[in-house]
Amino acid sequence: MAIVKKYPAKVVAIHNSIDGVYTLILESLNKPFKFDPGQFLHLALDDYDPAGQWPDSRCFSMQSSPSEYMIKITYAVKGVFTYRMQQQLKIGSEVTLKLPYGDLFTQPHNKVNTVFIAGGTGITPFLSLFNHYTFSEYINPILFVGFRSRNMNLYEVELEKAQKINSHFNYKPFYQDESGILNIEKIIDSTNKQSAFFISGPPAMIKSFKQVLINEGIPANQVLTDDWE
């Protein structure tokens, strides 16, 4: 099990091409970040005093791969904490990160015809794997990802990089305003029931899709979810 460490970090870039959705690039102020693909972190805005309690924080999936020097996270402004982030964080702002958490891709799973299903920013933990050299170990992986509209798809560059790492990787984006929401039944019909299925996205989507997969006879240990929230 990975040892959780605390990292003082600085915001070195903020991207906000869609209203209410922000991508942060974070640089460690001392030791290099250490984590596995698919893991997540806790981010605290308030100053951390090692002699006191850990301050209020929120979990975020790490979008960058462990081979990158900096950490990238993407968040949507949906509650009090993310509203504070939107208002307070500027380039140069300092935060404290606690990581790594989670075992999404270190759990035993079939790497042949692996199916990845993501809703919106739920794609981010998958990108951490897709842009890492270990993604080349997967045989014919496929991603089904749903967005509300085309302008919500901020990840084409990273998906193209993934195809360079694994030339057999295929991804199918769905845009709700054009073709409706992701349909789990159609995904099952177009894939292999012997595959491992990874699901990441809104909690209601994860719960619903997981239940449908199990009802269709796919063993529960083949359905792996990013549902730490």
Protein backbone atom coordinates (compact mmCIF):
# COMPACT_ATOMS: atom_id res chain seq x y z
CA MET A 1 0.00 0.00 0.00
CA ALA A 2 1.31 3.44 -0.95
CA ILE A 3 2.40 5.74 1.87
CA VAL A 4 0.26 8.88 2.02
CA LYS A 5 2.34 12.05 2.18
CA LYS A 6 1.60 15.75 2.42
CA TYR A 7 2.93 18.06 -0.27
CA PRO A 8 2.94 21.87 -0.18
CA ALA A 9 2.19 22.84 -3.77
CA LYS A 10 1.81 25.89 -5.98
CA VAL A 11 -0.72 26.59 -8.73
CA VAL A 12 1.32 27.20 -11.90
CA ALA A 13 -1.54 27.29 -14.45
CA ILE A 14 -5.32 27.60 -14.53
CA HIS A 15 -7.38 26.77 -17.62
CA ASN A 16 -11.04 27.81 -17.81
CA SER A 17 -12.30 27.32 -21.37
CA ILE A 18 -15.79 26.30 -20.17
CA ASP A 19 -17.88 28.27 -17.70
CA GLY A 20 -17.67 26.66 -14.28
CA VAL A 21 -15.03 24.04 -15.22
CA TYR A 22 -11.38 24.58 -14.26
CA THR A 23 -8.18 22.65 -14.85
CA LEU A 24 -5.31 23.30 -12.43
CA ILE A 25 -1.64 22.48 -12.88
CA LEU A 26 0.08 21.99 -9.53
CA GLU A 27 3.79 21.89 -8.78
CA SER A 28 5.29 20.40 -5.63
CA LEU A 29 7.29 22.84 -3.52
CA ASN A 30 9.59 20.15 -2.15
CA LYS A 31 9.70 16.39 -2.88
CA PRO A 32 8.43 15.00 -6.22
CA PHE A 33 4.86 13.68 -6.31
CA LYS A 34 4.57 9.90 -6.08
CA PHE A 35 1.41 8.03 -7.09
CA ASP A 36 -0.01 5.32 -9.36
CA PRO A 37 -2.35 5.81 -12.34
CA GLY A 38 -5.97 6.27 -11.29
CA GLN A 39 -5.30 7.45 -7.76
CA PHE A 40 -6.72 10.57 -6.12
CA LEU A 41 -5.66 13.30 -3.70
CA HIS A 42 -7.01 15.57 -0.99
CA LEU A 43 -6.59 19.29 -1.62
CA ALA A 44 -6.69 21.79 1.27
CA LEU A 45 -6.98 25.53 0.69
CA ASP A 46 -6.28 26.65 4.25
CA ASP A 47 -2.78 26.68 5.70
CA TYR A 48 -1.72 23.31 7.07
CA ASP A 49 -0.11 23.26 10.52
CA PRO A 50 1.69 19.94 11.09
CA ALA A 51 1.03 20.36 14.82
CA GLY A 52 -2.72 20.65 14.27
CA GLN A 53 -5.50 18.86 12.43
CA TRP A 54 -5.72 18.45 8.68
CA PRO A 55 -7.87 21.35 7.38
CA ASP A 56 -11.09 21.07 5.38
CA SER A 57 -10.33 19.50 2.02
CA ARG A 58 -11.85 17.84 -1.04
CA CYS A 59 -10.88 14.80 -3.10
CA PHE A 60 -9.89 15.07 -6.77
CA SER A 61 -8.77 12.46 -9.27
CA MET A 62 -5.28 13.01 -10.64
CA GLN A 63 -5.57 13.55 -14.38
CA SER A 64 -1.84 13.54 -15.08
CA SER A 65 0.19 10.35 -15.30
CA PRO A 66 2.80 9.51 -12.64
CA SER A 67 5.53 10.06 -15.23
CA GLU A 68 4.70 13.79 -15.33
CA TYR A 69 6.44 16.21 -13.00
CA MET A 70 3.31 18.21 -12.16
CA ILE A 71 -0.21 17.15 -11.21
CA LYS A 72 -3.25 18.15 -13.22
CA ILE A 73 -6.79 18.09 -11.83
CA THR A 74 -10.08 19.24 -13.38
CA TYR A 75 -13.08 20.29 -11.32
CA ALA A 76 -16.56 21.68 -11.85
CA VAL A 77 -17.88 24.35 -9.49
CA LYS A 78 -20.69 22.52 -7.71
CA GLY A 79 -20.48 23.26 -4.00
CA VAL A 80 -19.01 25.45 -1.27
CA PHE A 81 -15.47 24.09 -1.50
CA THR A 82 -15.16 24.27 -5.28
CA TYR A 83 -16.70 27.76 -5.20
CA ARG A 84 -13.91 28.75 -2.80
CA MET A 85 -11.38 27.28 -5.23
CA GLN A 86 -12.87 29.29 -8.08
CA GLN A 87 -12.73 32.51 -6.07
CA GLN A 88 -9.41 32.08 -4.26
CA LEU A 89 -7.00 30.22 -6.50
CA LYS A 90 -4.76 32.25 -8.77
CA ILE A 91 -1.46 31.48 -10.46
CA GLY A 92 1.06 31.38 -7.62
CA SER A 93 -1.50 30.39 -4.96
CA GLU A 94 -0.23 27.78 -2.51
CA VAL A 95 -2.25 24.76 -1.36
CA THR A 96 -1.49 21.54 0.50
CA LEU A 97 -2.06 18.15 -1.12
CA LYS A 98 -2.29 14.79 0.60
CA LEU A 99 -1.75 11.73 -1.60
CA PRO A 100 -2.00 9.09 -2.92
CA TYR A 101 -5.30 7.34 -2.27
CA GLY A 102 -7.14 4.60 -4.12
CA ASP A 103 -6.36 1.38 -5.97
CA LEU A 104 -8.43 1.70 -9.14
CA PHE A 105 -5.94 0.11 -11.55
CA THR A 106 -3.81 -1.86 -9.11
CA GLN A 107 -6.71 -4.22 -8.43
CA PRO A 108 -6.45 -7.51 -10.39
CA HIS A 109 -8.26 -7.15 -13.71
CA ASN A 110 -8.34 -8.46 -17.27
CA LYS A 111 -6.25 -6.28 -19.58
CA VAL A 112 -7.70 -7.82 -22.75
CA ASN A 113 -10.64 -5.91 -24.32
CA THR A 114 -10.87 -3.73 -21.21
CA VAL A 115 -13.87 -1.38 -21.24
CA PHE A 116 -13.66 2.12 -19.75
CA ILE A 117 -16.91 4.07 -19.26
CA ALA A 118 -16.79 7.74 -18.22
CA GLY A 119 -19.24 10.57 -17.76
CA GLY A 120 -17.90 14.11 -18.10
CA THR A 121 -14.96 14.89 -15.83
CA GLY A 122 -15.11 11.25 -14.74
CA ILE A 123 -12.67 10.66 -17.57
CA THR A 124 -9.82 12.21 -15.56
CA PRO A 125 -8.62 9.14 -13.58
CA PHE A 126 -8.63 7.14 -16.82
CA LEU A 127 -6.36 9.72 -18.47
CA SER A 128 -3.84 9.15 -15.70
CA LEU A 129 -3.52 5.58 -16.98
CA PHE A 130 -3.98 6.30 -20.69
CA ASN A 131 -1.01 8.69 -20.72
CA HIS A 132 1.28 6.36 -18.76
CA TYR A 133 3.63 3.84 -20.38
CA THR A 134 1.85 0.91 -18.64
CA PHE A 135 -1.19 1.55 -20.84
CA SER A 136 0.70 -0.24 -23.61
CA GLU A 137 0.08 -3.50 -21.69
CA TYR A 138 -3.65 -3.39 -22.51
CA ILE A 139 -4.91 -5.30 -25.56
CA ASN A 140 -7.69 -3.60 -27.55
CA PRO A 141 -8.93 -1.28 -24.77
CA ILE A 142 -11.97 0.87 -25.52
CA LEU A 143 -13.38 4.01 -23.91
CA PHE A 144 -17.02 5.12 -24.01
CA VAL A 145 -17.28 8.70 -22.75
CA GLY A 146 -20.28 11.00 -22.53
CA PHE A 147 -20.36 14.80 -22.48
CA ARG A 148 -23.24 17.26 -22.42
CA SER A 149 -21.91 18.86 -25.62
CA ARG A 150 -18.81 18.89 -27.84
CA ASN A 151 -17.33 21.94 -26.14
CA MET A 152 -17.26 19.98 -22.88
CA ASN A 153 -14.73 17.56 -24.36
CA LEU A 154 -11.45 19.09 -23.19
CA TYR A 155 -9.42 15.94 -23.54
CA GLU A 156 -8.69 15.36 -27.24
CA VAL A 157 -4.96 16.05 -26.87
CA GLU A 158 -4.63 13.51 -24.06
CA LEU A 159 -6.71 10.93 -25.93
CA GLU A 160 -4.55 11.35 -29.02
CA LYS A 161 -1.46 10.84 -26.85
CA ALA A 162 -3.05 7.66 -25.49
CA GLN A 163 -3.41 6.31 -29.02
CA LYS A 164 0.32 6.87 -29.56
CA ILE A 165 1.09 4.89 -26.40
CA ASN A 166 -1.36 2.12 -27.37
CA SER A 167 -2.16 2.03 -31.08
CA HIS A 168 -5.03 -0.43 -30.48
CA PHE A 169 -6.85 1.97 -28.15
CA ASN A 170 -10.25 3.08 -29.42
CA TYR A 171 -12.53 5.71 -27.93
CA LYS A 172 -16.11 6.67 -28.67
CA PRO A 173 -17.37 10.06 -27.47
CA PHE A 174 -21.11 10.66 -27.09
CA TYR A 175 -22.63 14.14 -26.90
CA GLN A 176 -25.91 14.41 -25.04
CA ASP A 177 -27.23 17.31 -27.13
CA GLU A 178 -26.65 15.31 -30.32
CA SER A 179 -27.16 11.62 -29.53
CA GLY A 180 -28.44 11.43 -25.96
CA ILE A 181 -26.80 10.04 -22.85
CA LEU A 182 -24.54 6.99 -22.61
CA ASN A 183 -26.55 3.79 -22.99
CA ILE A 184 -25.12 1.00 -20.85
CA GLU A 185 -27.20 -1.68 -22.57
CA LYS A 186 -25.75 -0.76 -25.97
CA ILE A 187 -22.26 -0.73 -24.48
CA ILE A 188 -22.77 -4.26 -23.15
CA ASP A 189 -24.06 -5.44 -26.55
CA SER A 190 -20.95 -4.10 -28.30
CA THR A 191 -18.37 -5.49 -25.86
CA ASN A 192 -17.21 -8.79 -24.38
CA LYS A 193 -18.72 -9.97 -21.10
CA GLN A 194 -15.35 -11.47 -20.16
CA SER A 195 -13.86 -7.98 -20.06
CA ALA A 196 -13.13 -5.84 -17.04
CA PHE A 197 -15.42 -2.80 -16.92
CA PHE A 198 -14.20 0.43 -15.31
CA ILE A 199 -16.81 3.13 -14.55
CA SER A 200 -16.15 6.73 -13.51
CA GLY A 201 -18.52 9.69 -13.40
CA PRO A 202 -21.43 11.04 -11.37
CA PRO A 203 -22.31 8.75 -8.41
CA ALA A 204 -25.82 8.04 -9.75
CA MET A 205 -24.37 6.93 -13.10
CA ILE A 206 -21.80 4.68 -11.45
CA LYS A 207 -24.42 3.00 -9.26
CA SER A 208 -26.90 2.52 -12.11
CA PHE A 209 -24.38 1.23 -14.67
CA LYS A 210 -22.77 -1.14 -12.18
CA GLN A 211 -26.12 -2.69 -11.31
CA VAL A 212 -27.03 -3.17 -14.97
CA LEU A 213 -23.70 -4.86 -15.68
CA ILE A 214 -24.15 -7.25 -12.75
CA ASN A 215 -27.76 -7.95 -13.75
CA GLU A 216 -26.45 -8.88 -17.21
CA GLY A 217 -24.33 -11.60 -15.64
CA ILE A 218 -20.99 -9.80 -15.45
CA PRO A 219 -19.27 -10.82 -12.18
CA ALA A 220 -19.02 -8.05 -9.61
CA ASN A 221 -15.23 -8.40 -9.43
CA GLN A 222 -15.06 -7.46 -13.13
CA VAL A 223 -16.86 -4.15 -12.49
CA LEU A 224 -14.42 -1.64 -11.00
CA THR A 225 -15.54 1.85 -10.08
CA ASP A 226 -14.03 5.21 -9.22
CA ASP A 227 -16.59 6.07 -6.55
CA TRP A 228 -14.56 7.50 -3.70
CA GLU A 229 -16.93 10.48 -3.41
